[in-house]
Amino acid sequence: MNPSPHRNKRRNNLKLSGLGRLISRFKVSVLPDFFLDRIISVPSLNKLFKEAKAKAAAGGGNLRGYLQTEIRGGNATNLAYGLASLSVRTSLFCIGDAFADVATVNAPANCQVRVIPGRTGLTVALEFPFKARIVNVMISDVGGAADFDGRKFNPNDISALKESDCIALVNWSANKSGNALARKVFAINGCKARLCFLDPADLSGAENRIKPLRKIIDEGLINVISLNENEARILTKVLKVGRLPQRYNPHDVLRVSAGLHDAVHATVDIHTPIGSVSANNEQQAWAPVRKFVRGFVTGAGDVWDAGDIIGHLIPLNADDRLQFANACAYLYLSSGRIRPPNLREVECFLLREPERRELDLELGPR
């Protein structure tokens, strides 16, 4: 495999006509987290710290003027809603209590929410500018998803998983029983007849569980691993297959994706602020990105995953799949409404410029 970026000069041959009918045939199961998210827009981290210290010195008080938005969240919930918005029939398996009723409010008709008894996750996400991009830092109480091994699945849940064309397990890193859950859900009927998709989320603090996870991957139970640049950086360090510097270029990302693929023998898809890459046995594909986009970055990676999963299921060639996923994330970021795009919006966006294009995209942590 030659880890070098390339740009395909041909016209985009992604056939969009009839895409909705094709996508609507797929069934995807997503699990296991649901969160109530409060997103706080912070104009300046230094300003926040300075004001907080001043209030503390005075004995406490109220910091006013910070825009806040409360939404349903969680990697699984964001991904499930993203897939449903793109016309996929989706089952969301999420841990929750009475608060999880929010997960079903305004749920798309093609998204079935299956709430598994447990404590709802809660997150405060701070979004602020850092080094010329918008990033988010999340303060989370994972709730019942912190130790979920799948034993609470009922027979109907198992049936729904068996009928799925794709099982997507996300936020693995926050779940101390993530390996047990992965083995349980990905081993249902074996993975050869379906897409088994893993997005581990922020791997910091979960490094000691990566080597047991690798054994599950080595058994052929996982087809695709989706990462952002920070997750890729941690994974390469633990597996000792290279290094992704803090200041990286496309060659660095391509080199790391090739090393990870060679180590785990699964398709490795990585999205970063400068581009996205896919590495498998046959090729590497690179979709560059150019320009900063302002908007809520929380959930953007999950929407990217939705486009990536669809691209794998159709299947699209790797170049078109990355372009499709990039378009989904771009539309989410640029909408200003914290909602995933629908398929028609993605089709219109891709048709506006039929030449293969460098999509304007900025992905932050999920």
Foldseek 3Di string as FASTA:
>chain_A
DDLDADDDFDWDPPDLVPLLVLQLVAEEEFDEAKEWEKEWEDADPVVVVVVQVVQVVVVHDDDDDIDIDIAMDDLRLLLQQLLVLQNYQYEYHYEDDPVCVRSVVVRRPSYHYHYQYWHHKYKYWYWYDDPRAIAIDIDIDRTPQQADLPPRDDPVNLVSLLPGQEYEYECLQSHPNSQNNLCVSLPNVHPPNHAYEYENAQNVPVLVCVVVSLVVLVVVSHAEYEEEPNNLQSVCVSLVQDHADPDHDSSSVSSSQQSVCVSRQHWYWYQAQQWIWIDHPPDIHIAGADAHFAADQRSLSSSLVSLLNSCVVSPPPPHVSRVLSQLQSLCCRNVNPNHTHYNVSSVVVCVVDRGRDRHHHHHYGD
